Amino acid sequence: MKSTDEKRSRVKTIVTALAKAHPDARLALDYGNPLELLIALILAAQARDELVNSVTAEVFPKYRSAADWAGVKQESLQTQLARINFYRKKSEAIQQACRALVERYSGRVPDHLDDLLTLPGVGRKTANIILGNAFGQAAIGVDTHVARLSQRLGLTEETNPDKIEADLVAIVPAKDSVRFCHLLQFHGRRVCAAKKPACLQCVIRKSCPQVGV
């Protein structure tokens, strides 16, 4: 088992190399404010980011506030979101979350983890992505790419997302936490695929024990 100091050193090397390889790395979802990011994240569960962006480009201009989302008739909202899988369940989740925002937070998305976790349909991954991307806080959102690559890179042996998050918080500098997630997401899509990673083309192959490859 590698020491925490060794893992911290390797993380710095990984971040530097991936930043050069993927200078365009960013959150793949389009949004203009914390509320829009919350909506997009609810829609993105088990859905392609490109499809979510296509749908939200049409609906975001119609609903500017949490009250707008909470007040629209559910049948109408479902029709507008029908291209996305599980659109009925997601429509309901969006409206429940927005009603909670109106009732408890004056319609504003809170910028504290514990508050975000009180919202229907919001878990730690979603909350951390909102904190990191919408509010600029040091936070690590463990999605499938972050989990898979962190395991493959030998940065964690955990499979539970919350435990993976704890392992990464201990070794990823706070200033790099959000960027680290973006870089792993892009590298996971472009190079380090789940079933057939392109190890020979990988810029961090010397820093990777290739766990599970």
Protein backbone atom coordinates (compact mmCIF):
# COMPACT_ATOMS: atom_id res chain seq x y z
CA MET A 1 0.00 0.00 0.00
CA LYS A 2 1.39 3.40 -1.01
CA SER A 3 1.84 6.09 1.62
CA THR A 4 -0.29 9.21 1.71
CA ASP A 5 2.77 11.34 0.88
CA GLU A 6 3.56 9.19 -2.15
CA LYS A 7 -0.02 9.48 -3.36
CA ARG A 8 0.03 13.26 -2.90
CA SER A 9 3.20 13.50 -4.96
CA ARG A 10 1.70 11.30 -7.67
CA VAL A 11 -1.48 13.39 -7.75
CA LYS A 12 0.61 16.51 -8.49
CA THR A 13 2.32 14.70 -11.36
CA ILE A 14 -1.01 13.45 -12.68
CA VAL A 15 -2.68 16.87 -12.53
CA THR A 16 0.24 18.55 -14.30
CA ALA A 17 0.33 15.98 -17.10
CA LEU A 18 -3.43 15.81 -17.63
CA ALA A 19 -3.73 19.61 -17.63
CA LYS A 20 -1.37 19.69 -20.61
CA ALA A 21 -3.18 16.84 -22.35
CA HIS A 22 -6.68 18.22 -21.73
CA PRO A 23 -6.45 22.01 -21.49
CA ASP A 24 -10.15 22.25 -22.33
CA ALA A 25 -11.26 20.06 -19.42
CA ARG A 26 -14.37 21.43 -17.72
CA LEU A 27 -17.71 20.27 -16.44
CA ALA A 28 -19.51 18.83 -19.45
CA LEU A 29 -22.91 20.25 -18.48
CA ASP A 30 -23.92 23.74 -19.62
CA TYR A 31 -25.36 26.10 -17.01
CA GLY A 32 -25.46 29.77 -16.15
CA ASN A 33 -26.10 29.76 -12.41
CA PRO A 34 -26.35 27.36 -9.43
CA LEU A 35 -30.04 26.62 -10.03
CA GLU A 36 -29.43 25.65 -13.64
CA LEU A 37 -26.57 23.40 -12.57
CA LEU A 38 -28.81 21.69 -10.02
CA ILE A 39 -31.45 21.06 -12.68
CA ALA A 40 -28.87 19.80 -15.18
CA LEU A 41 -27.37 17.40 -12.65
CA ILE A 42 -30.76 15.90 -11.85
CA LEU A 43 -31.38 15.40 -15.55
CA ALA A 44 -27.91 13.98 -16.19
CA ALA A 45 -28.32 10.86 -14.05
CA GLN A 46 -27.88 7.93 -16.46
CA ALA A 47 -28.19 10.29 -19.42
CA ARG A 48 -25.70 11.64 -21.95
CA ASP A 49 -24.39 15.10 -21.17
CA GLU A 50 -24.85 16.15 -24.81
CA LEU A 51 -28.54 15.27 -24.70
CA VAL A 52 -29.01 17.08 -21.39
CA ASN A 53 -27.35 20.19 -22.81
CA SER A 54 -29.61 20.04 -25.85
CA VAL A 55 -32.74 19.84 -23.70
CA THR A 56 -31.68 22.47 -21.17
CA ALA A 57 -30.81 24.91 -23.95
CA GLU A 58 -34.51 24.86 -24.77
CA VAL A 59 -35.98 24.92 -21.27
CA PHE A 60 -33.60 27.12 -19.27
CA PRO A 61 -34.78 30.35 -20.95
CA LYS A 62 -38.38 29.52 -19.93
CA TYR A 63 -37.76 29.10 -16.20
CA ARG A 64 -35.58 31.68 -14.48
CA SER A 65 -36.26 30.94 -10.83
CA ALA A 66 -36.94 28.03 -8.51
CA ALA A 67 -40.51 29.31 -8.22
CA ASP A 68 -40.88 29.06 -12.01
CA TRP A 69 -39.79 25.43 -11.97
CA ALA A 70 -41.95 24.62 -8.97
CA GLY A 71 -45.01 26.27 -10.47
CA VAL A 72 -45.11 24.76 -13.95
CA LYS A 73 -47.66 21.99 -14.47
CA GLN A 74 -45.94 18.63 -14.18
CA GLU A 75 -47.50 17.35 -17.38
CA SER A 76 -46.07 20.32 -19.27
CA LEU A 77 -42.63 19.86 -17.75
CA GLN A 78 -42.64 16.17 -18.56
CA THR A 79 -43.46 16.93 -22.18
CA GLN A 80 -40.50 19.32 -22.40
CA LEU A 81 -38.13 16.80 -20.82
CA ALA A 82 -39.46 13.71 -22.61
CA ARG A 83 -36.27 13.13 -24.63
CA ILE A 84 -34.38 12.30 -21.43
CA ASN A 85 -34.67 8.87 -19.83
CA PHE A 86 -36.73 8.62 -16.66
CA TYR A 87 -38.16 12.04 -17.51
CA ARG A 88 -41.26 11.56 -15.33
CA LYS A 89 -39.23 10.75 -12.23
CA LYS A 90 -36.74 13.52 -12.98
CA SER A 91 -39.50 16.07 -13.55
CA GLU A 92 -40.91 15.23 -10.14
CA ALA A 93 -37.46 15.43 -8.52
CA ILE A 94 -36.82 18.85 -10.06
CA GLN A 95 -40.09 20.23 -8.80
CA GLN A 96 -39.63 18.77 -5.31
CA ALA A 97 -36.15 20.28 -5.06
CA CYS A 98 -37.34 23.65 -6.32
CA ARG A 99 -40.25 23.71 -3.90
CA ALA A 100 -37.79 23.04 -1.09
CA LEU A 101 -35.62 25.92 -2.33
CA VAL A 102 -38.61 28.26 -2.31
CA GLU A 103 -39.87 27.12 1.09
CA ARG A 104 -36.54 26.89 2.94
CA TYR A 105 -33.96 28.99 1.11
CA SER A 106 -35.88 31.90 -0.43
CA GLY A 107 -35.52 30.31 -3.84
CA ARG A 108 -31.72 30.31 -3.78
CA VAL A 109 -29.46 27.26 -4.04
CA PRO A 110 -27.55 27.07 -0.75
CA ASP A 111 -23.76 27.06 -0.74
CA HIS A 112 -23.27 24.71 2.21
CA LEU A 113 -23.03 20.93 1.92
CA ASP A 114 -25.40 20.11 4.76
CA ASP A 115 -28.06 22.42 3.34
CA LEU A 116 -27.75 20.98 -0.15
CA LEU A 117 -28.14 17.47 1.21
CA THR A 118 -31.57 18.40 2.59
CA LEU A 119 -32.88 18.92 -0.95
CA PRO A 120 -34.87 16.02 -2.44
CA GLY A 121 -32.77 14.08 -4.93
CA VAL A 122 -29.45 15.66 -3.96
CA GLY A 123 -26.69 13.35 -2.73
CA ARG A 124 -23.04 14.06 -1.94
CA LYS A 125 -21.89 13.79 -5.55
CA THR A 126 -24.41 16.34 -6.79
CA ALA A 127 -23.85 18.61 -3.79
CA ASN A 128 -20.08 18.59 -4.22
CA ILE A 129 -20.31 19.27 -7.95
CA ILE A 130 -22.53 22.27 -7.22
CA LEU A 131 -20.20 23.56 -4.50
CA GLY A 132 -17.12 23.15 -6.66
CA ASN A 133 -18.43 24.40 -9.98
CA ALA A 134 -21.13 26.92 -9.09
CA PHE A 135 -19.60 28.33 -5.90
CA GLY A 136 -15.87 27.80 -6.44
CA GLN A 137 -15.38 25.78 -3.27
CA ALA A 138 -12.87 22.99 -2.79
CA ALA A 139 -14.99 19.89 -3.36
CA ILE A 140 -14.67 16.51 -5.05
CA GLY A 141 -17.72 15.06 -6.78
CA VAL A 142 -17.22 11.34 -7.29
CA ASP A 143 -18.92 10.41 -10.54
CA THR A 144 -18.25 7.19 -12.46
CA HIS A 145 -15.11 8.53 -14.18
CA VAL A 146 -13.60 9.94 -10.99
CA ALA A 147 -14.31 6.70 -9.14
CA ARG A 148 -13.01 4.40 -11.87
CA LEU A 149 -9.81 6.31 -12.65
CA SER A 150 -8.99 6.90 -8.99
CA GLN A 151 -9.16 3.14 -8.46
CA ARG A 152 -7.17 2.37 -11.60
CA LEU A 153 -4.51 4.92 -10.61
CA GLY A 154 -4.17 3.31 -7.21
CA LEU A 155 -5.34 6.41 -5.36
CA THR A 156 -8.08 4.49 -3.55
CA GLU A 157 -9.09 0.92 -2.94
CA GLU A 158 -12.62 1.87 -1.98
CA THR A 159 -15.74 1.27 -4.05
CA ASN A 160 -18.17 3.37 -2.01
CA PRO A 161 -18.28 6.91 -3.49
CA ASP A 162 -18.27 8.58 -0.06
CA LYS A 163 -15.16 6.64 0.98
CA ILE A 164 -13.49 7.39 -2.36
CA GLU A 165 -14.21 11.06 -1.76
CA ALA A 166 -12.59 10.87 1.69
CA ASP A 167 -9.48 9.21 0.24
CA LEU A 168 -9.16 11.83 -2.48
CA VAL A 169 -9.70 14.77 -0.12
CA ALA A 170 -6.69 13.51 1.84
CA ILE A 171 -4.33 13.55 -1.16
CA VAL A 172 -5.64 16.12 -3.68
CA PRO A 173 -4.68 19.75 -2.90
CA ALA A 174 -7.80 21.79 -2.17
CA LYS A 175 -6.90 24.30 -4.89
CA ASP A 176 -6.86 21.49 -7.47
CA SER A 177 -9.89 19.50 -6.30
CA VAL A 178 -12.43 20.68 -8.89
CA ARG A 179 -9.86 20.71 -11.68
CA PHE A 180 -8.74 17.20 -10.71
CA CYS A 181 -12.29 15.92 -11.24
CA HIS A 182 -12.62 17.62 -14.62
CA LEU A 183 -9.30 16.17 -15.77
CA LEU A 184 -10.21 12.63 -14.75
CA GLN A 185 -13.58 12.96 -16.46
CA PHE A 186 -12.04 14.09 -19.76
CA HIS A 187 -9.22 11.54 -19.56
CA GLY A 188 -11.74 8.81 -18.84
CA ARG A 189 -13.78 9.72 -21.91
CA ARG A 190 -10.88 10.29 -24.30
CA VAL A 191 -8.16 7.85 -23.28
CA CYS A 192 -8.79 5.69 -20.21
CA ALA A 193 -11.98 3.95 -21.28
CA ALA A 194 -13.50 1.40 -18.94
CA LYS A 195 -13.32 -1.62 -21.25
CA LYS A 196 -10.43 -0.70 -23.54
CA PRO A 197 -8.06 1.91 -22.11
CA ALA A 198 -5.50 3.32 -24.56
CA CYS A 199 -2.57 2.82 -22.20
CA LEU A 200 0.09 3.31 -24.88
CA GLN A 201 -1.30 6.76 -25.67
CA CYS A 202 -1.70 7.73 -21.99
CA VAL A 203 0.43 10.63 -20.75
CA ILE A 204 0.25 9.38 -17.16
CA ARG A 205 1.03 5.72 -17.82
CA LYS A 206 4.30 5.96 -15.82
CA SER A 207 2.31 7.15 -12.81
CA CYS A 208 -0.37 4.50 -13.19
CA PRO A 209 -0.26 1.00 -11.69
CA GLN A 210 -3.08 0.13 -14.09
CA VAL A 211 -5.27 -1.47 -11.44
CA GLY A 212 -7.92 -3.57 -13.11
CA VAL A 213 -6.54 -3.17 -16.65
